[in-house]
Amino acid sequence: MLKGKSAASMTMLSARMALLVGASVIATAVLAVILGSGFGERPLFGFILAVIFLLIVATVVVHSAGKIKEAREFHAGYTTIMRAHISVDQVDPDSSRVVRSAGEKFLTKDIYETRMARIRATGGEDAR
C-alpha cells in the first residue's frame, strides 16, 4: 500500500469538513436573522465569514488531495474506497488486507461489515 493517509480516510475527512461548512453557514444565517441587520456591521460577522472561507478552502484542498490519492491507489492496483473502481481489489486501509476482489460486485454494508469482522478475527488475513 502507498504511504500516508488512504483515499478513503481523506474522502471521509473532506465530507465531514463539508458538513462543518454547511453547519457554519446555517448558524451564521440564523445569527443574522436573530440579531437583525446590525449583525453584518459587527466585527464578529467578518471573523465568522473569514473562518467559513478558510474552511471552504481547506475542504477543497483535502478533497483534491483525496482524489489524487484515489488515482494513485487505482494505478497501484487497489482502492480503499468502498464503492469505487470495481476493476481493482478493495483493501482495508488499516490492515492492508483485501476486502473485495477485483471484478467482484460492490459489497453491501452488511457483507462489508461481515468481512471486516472476519479480518479482525483472523488477525488480518484476507476476507475473500
C-alpha atoms as a PDB file:
ATOM      1  CA  MET A   1       0.000   0.000   0.000  1.00  0.00           C
ATOM      2  CA  LEU A   2       1.012   3.573  -0.584  1.00  0.00           C
ATOM      3  CA  LYS A   3       2.369   5.578   2.336  1.00  0.00           C
ATOM      4  CA  GLY A   4       0.288   8.200   4.088  1.00  0.00           C
ATOM      5  CA  LYS A   5      -3.436   8.564   4.597  1.00  0.00           C
ATOM      6  CA  SER A   6      -5.691   6.411   2.437  1.00  0.00           C
ATOM      7  CA  ALA A   7      -8.078   7.845  -0.145  1.00  0.00           C
ATOM      8  CA  ALA A   8     -10.951   6.544   1.981  1.00  0.00           C
ATOM      9  CA  SER A   9      -9.841   8.456   5.076  1.00  0.00           C
ATOM     10  CA  MET A  10      -9.231  11.636   3.078  1.00  0.00           C
ATOM     11  CA  THR A  11     -12.630  11.369   1.401  1.00  0.00           C
ATOM     12  CA  MET A  12     -14.300  10.877   4.777  1.00  0.00           C
ATOM     13  CA  LEU A  13     -12.445  13.855   6.232  1.00  0.00           C
ATOM     14  CA  SER A  14     -13.458  16.128   3.351  1.00  0.00           C
ATOM     15  CA  ALA A  15     -17.102  15.022   3.728  1.00  0.00           C
ATOM     16  CA  ARG A  16     -17.021  15.875   7.435  1.00  0.00           C
ATOM     17  CA  MET A  17     -15.422  19.215   6.672  1.00  0.00           C
ATOM     18  CA  ALA A  18     -18.146  19.952   4.112  1.00  0.00           C
ATOM     19  CA  LEU A  19     -20.772  19.226   6.771  1.00  0.00           C
ATOM     20  CA  LEU A  20     -18.992  21.627   9.108  1.00  0.00           C
ATOM     21  CA  VAL A  21     -19.044  24.315   6.399  1.00  0.00           C
ATOM     22  CA  GLY A  22     -22.766  23.771   5.878  1.00  0.00           C
ATOM     23  CA  ALA A  23     -23.481  23.923   9.597  1.00  0.00           C
ATOM     24  CA  SER A  24     -21.394  27.092   9.895  1.00  0.00           C
ATOM     25  CA  VAL A  25     -23.290  28.782   7.083  1.00  0.00           C
ATOM     26  CA  ILE A  26     -26.620  27.827   8.644  1.00  0.00           C
ATOM     27  CA  ALA A  27     -25.511  29.012  12.098  1.00  0.00           C
ATOM     28  CA  THR A  28     -24.340  32.322  10.629  1.00  0.00           C
ATOM     29  CA  ALA A  29     -27.630  32.786   8.792  1.00  0.00           C
ATOM     30  CA  VAL A  30     -29.583  32.058  11.982  1.00  0.00           C
ATOM     31  CA  LEU A  31     -27.465  34.572  13.911  1.00  0.00           C
ATOM     32  CA  ALA A  32     -28.038  37.164  11.193  1.00  0.00           C
ATOM     33  CA  VAL A  33     -31.806  36.659  11.421  1.00  0.00           C
ATOM     34  CA  ILE A  34     -31.844  36.735  15.230  1.00  0.00           C
ATOM     35  CA  LEU A  35     -29.553  39.745  15.586  1.00  0.00           C
ATOM     36  CA  GLY A  36     -31.012  41.641  12.662  1.00  0.00           C
ATOM     37  CA  SER A  37     -29.357  43.972  10.220  1.00  0.00           C
ATOM     38  CA  GLY A  38     -26.771  45.159  12.745  1.00  0.00           C
ATOM     39  CA  PHE A  39     -25.073  41.743  12.733  1.00  0.00           C
ATOM     40  CA  GLY A  40     -23.418  42.428   9.375  1.00  0.00           C
ATOM     41  CA  GLU A  41     -21.731  45.506  10.825  1.00  0.00           C
ATOM     42  CA  ARG A  42     -20.158  43.709  13.797  1.00  0.00           C
ATOM     43  CA  PRO A  43     -16.512  42.558  13.705  1.00  0.00           C
ATOM     44  CA  LEU A  44     -17.645  39.087  14.716  1.00  0.00           C
ATOM     45  CA  PHE A  45     -19.529  38.746  11.422  1.00  0.00           C
ATOM     46  CA  GLY A  46     -16.361  39.387   9.406  1.00  0.00           C
ATOM     47  CA  PHE A  47     -14.431  36.927  11.529  1.00  0.00           C
ATOM     48  CA  ILE A  48     -17.093  34.244  11.056  1.00  0.00           C
ATOM     49  CA  LEU A  49     -17.098  34.781   7.287  1.00  0.00           C
ATOM     50  CA  ALA A  50     -13.299  34.542   7.213  1.00  0.00           C
ATOM     51  CA  VAL A  51     -13.395  31.272   9.163  1.00  0.00           C
ATOM     52  CA  ILE A  52     -16.066  29.860   6.827  1.00  0.00           C
ATOM     53  CA  PHE A  53     -13.979  30.890   3.809  1.00  0.00           C
ATOM     54  CA  LEU A  54     -10.900  29.165   5.261  1.00  0.00           C
ATOM     55  CA  LEU A  55     -12.967  26.045   5.980  1.00  0.00           C
ATOM     56  CA  ILE A  56     -14.160  26.014   2.370  1.00  0.00           C
ATOM     57  CA  VAL A  57     -10.596  26.344   1.072  1.00  0.00           C
ATOM     58  CA  ALA A  58      -9.363  23.607   3.418  1.00  0.00           C
ATOM     59  CA  THR A  59     -12.234  21.338   2.349  1.00  0.00           C
ATOM     60  CA  VAL A  60     -11.376  21.823  -1.329  1.00  0.00           C
ATOM     61  CA  VAL A  61      -7.691  21.113  -0.645  1.00  0.00           C
ATOM     62  CA  VAL A  62      -8.417  17.921   1.329  1.00  0.00           C
ATOM     63  CA  HIS A  63     -10.970  16.753  -1.273  1.00  0.00           C
ATOM     64  CA  SER A  64      -8.470  17.359  -4.090  1.00  0.00           C
ATOM     65  CA  ALA A  65      -5.721  15.529  -2.205  1.00  0.00           C
ATOM     66  CA  GLY A  66      -8.146  12.637  -1.668  1.00  0.00           C
ATOM     67  CA  LYS A  67      -8.914  12.463  -5.386  1.00  0.00           C
ATOM     68  CA  ILE A  68      -5.194  12.436  -6.188  1.00  0.00           C
ATOM     69  CA  LYS A  69      -4.644   9.661  -3.632  1.00  0.00           C
ATOM     70  CA  GLU A  70      -7.592   7.726  -5.108  1.00  0.00           C
ATOM     71  CA  ALA A  71      -5.971   7.882  -8.555  1.00  0.00           C
ATOM     72  CA  ARG A  72      -2.605   6.820  -7.140  1.00  0.00           C
ATOM     73  CA  GLU A  73      -4.223   3.852  -5.372  1.00  0.00           C
ATOM     74  CA  PHE A  74      -6.012   2.837  -8.570  1.00  0.00           C
ATOM     75  CA  HIS A  75      -2.756   2.937 -10.531  1.00  0.00           C
ATOM     76  CA  ALA A  76      -1.153   0.853  -7.762  1.00  0.00           C
ATOM     77  CA  GLY A  77      -3.879  -1.775  -8.326  1.00  0.00           C
ATOM     78  CA  TYR A  78      -6.216  -1.263  -5.390  1.00  0.00           C
ATOM     79  CA  THR A  79      -8.751   1.075  -3.804  1.00  0.00           C
ATOM     80  CA  THR A  80      -9.648   1.856  -0.213  1.00  0.00           C
ATOM     81  CA  ILE A  81     -12.974   3.438  -1.152  1.00  0.00           C
ATOM     82  CA  MET A  82     -15.989   1.186  -0.654  1.00  0.00           C
ATOM     83  CA  ARG A  83     -17.877   1.772  -3.916  1.00  0.00           C
ATOM     84  CA  ALA A  84     -15.161   2.755  -6.359  1.00  0.00           C
ATOM     85  CA  HIS A  85     -13.179   1.026  -9.084  1.00  0.00           C
ATOM     86  CA  ILE A  86     -14.695  -2.435  -9.413  1.00  0.00           C
ATOM     87  CA  SER A  87     -11.727  -3.452 -11.590  1.00  0.00           C
ATOM     88  CA  VAL A  88      -9.244  -3.437  -8.669  1.00  0.00           C
ATOM     89  CA  ASP A  89      -9.146  -5.023  -5.211  1.00  0.00           C
ATOM     90  CA  GLN A  90     -10.763  -3.099  -2.358  1.00  0.00           C
ATOM     91  CA  VAL A  91      -8.312  -3.057   0.521  1.00  0.00           C
ATOM     92  CA  ASP A  92      -8.863  -2.272   4.186  1.00  0.00           C
ATOM     93  CA  PRO A  93      -6.630   0.754   4.838  1.00  0.00           C
ATOM     94  CA  ASP A  94      -5.843  -0.318   8.412  1.00  0.00           C
ATOM     95  CA  SER A  95      -4.811  -3.936   7.866  1.00  0.00           C
ATOM     96  CA  SER A  96      -3.864  -3.739   4.149  1.00  0.00           C
ATOM     97  CA  ARG A  97      -5.977  -6.861   3.577  1.00  0.00           C
ATOM     98  CA  VAL A  98      -8.271  -7.467   0.614  1.00  0.00           C
ATOM     99  CA  VAL A  99     -11.959  -6.996   1.438  1.00  0.00           C
ATOM    100  CA  ARG A 100     -13.354  -7.305  -2.113  1.00  0.00           C
ATOM    101  CA  SER A 101     -11.549  -8.904  -5.041  1.00  0.00           C
ATOM    102  CA  ALA A 102     -11.181  -7.134  -8.372  1.00  0.00           C
ATOM    103  CA  GLY A 103     -14.225  -7.750 -10.568  1.00  0.00           C
ATOM    104  CA  GLU A 104     -16.428  -8.761  -7.638  1.00  0.00           C
ATOM    105  CA  LYS A 105     -19.669  -6.797  -7.215  1.00  0.00           C
ATOM    106  CA  PHE A 106     -19.612  -3.866  -4.830  1.00  0.00           C
ATOM    107  CA  LEU A 107     -20.288  -5.024  -1.280  1.00  0.00           C
ATOM    108  CA  THR A 108     -23.399  -4.199   0.673  1.00  0.00           C
ATOM    109  CA  LYS A 109     -22.824  -2.656   4.086  1.00  0.00           C
ATOM    110  CA  ASP A 110     -23.715  -5.951   5.801  1.00  0.00           C
ATOM    111  CA  ILE A 111     -21.320  -8.033   3.705  1.00  0.00           C
ATOM    112  CA  TYR A 112     -18.582  -5.424   4.161  1.00  0.00           C
ATOM    113  CA  GLU A 113     -19.029  -5.481   7.945  1.00  0.00           C
ATOM    114  CA  THR A 114     -19.022  -9.299   7.970  1.00  0.00           C
ATOM    115  CA  ARG A 115     -15.783  -9.416   6.013  1.00  0.00           C
ATOM    116  CA  MET A 116     -14.201  -6.762   8.212  1.00  0.00           C
ATOM    117  CA  ALA A 117     -15.170  -8.760  11.311  1.00  0.00           C
ATOM    118  CA  ARG A 118     -13.543 -11.830   9.714  1.00  0.00           C
ATOM    119  CA  ILE A 119     -10.361  -9.839   9.003  1.00  0.00           C
ATOM    120  CA  ARG A 120     -10.204  -8.657  12.612  1.00  0.00           C
ATOM    121  CA  ALA A 121     -10.944 -12.136  13.976  1.00  0.00           C
ATOM    122  CA  THR A 122      -8.250 -13.802  11.873  1.00  0.00           C
ATOM    123  CA  GLY A 123      -5.571 -11.288  12.720  1.00  0.00           C
ATOM    124  CA  GLY A 124      -5.738  -9.501   9.406  1.00  0.00           C
ATOM    125  CA  GLU A 125      -5.981 -12.342   6.877  1.00  0.00           C
ATOM    126  CA  ASP A 126      -7.854 -11.604   3.647  1.00  0.00           C
ATOM    127  CA  ALA A 127     -11.636 -11.958   3.976  1.00  0.00           C
ATOM    128  CA  ARG A 128     -12.462 -13.145   0.473  1.00  0.00           C
END
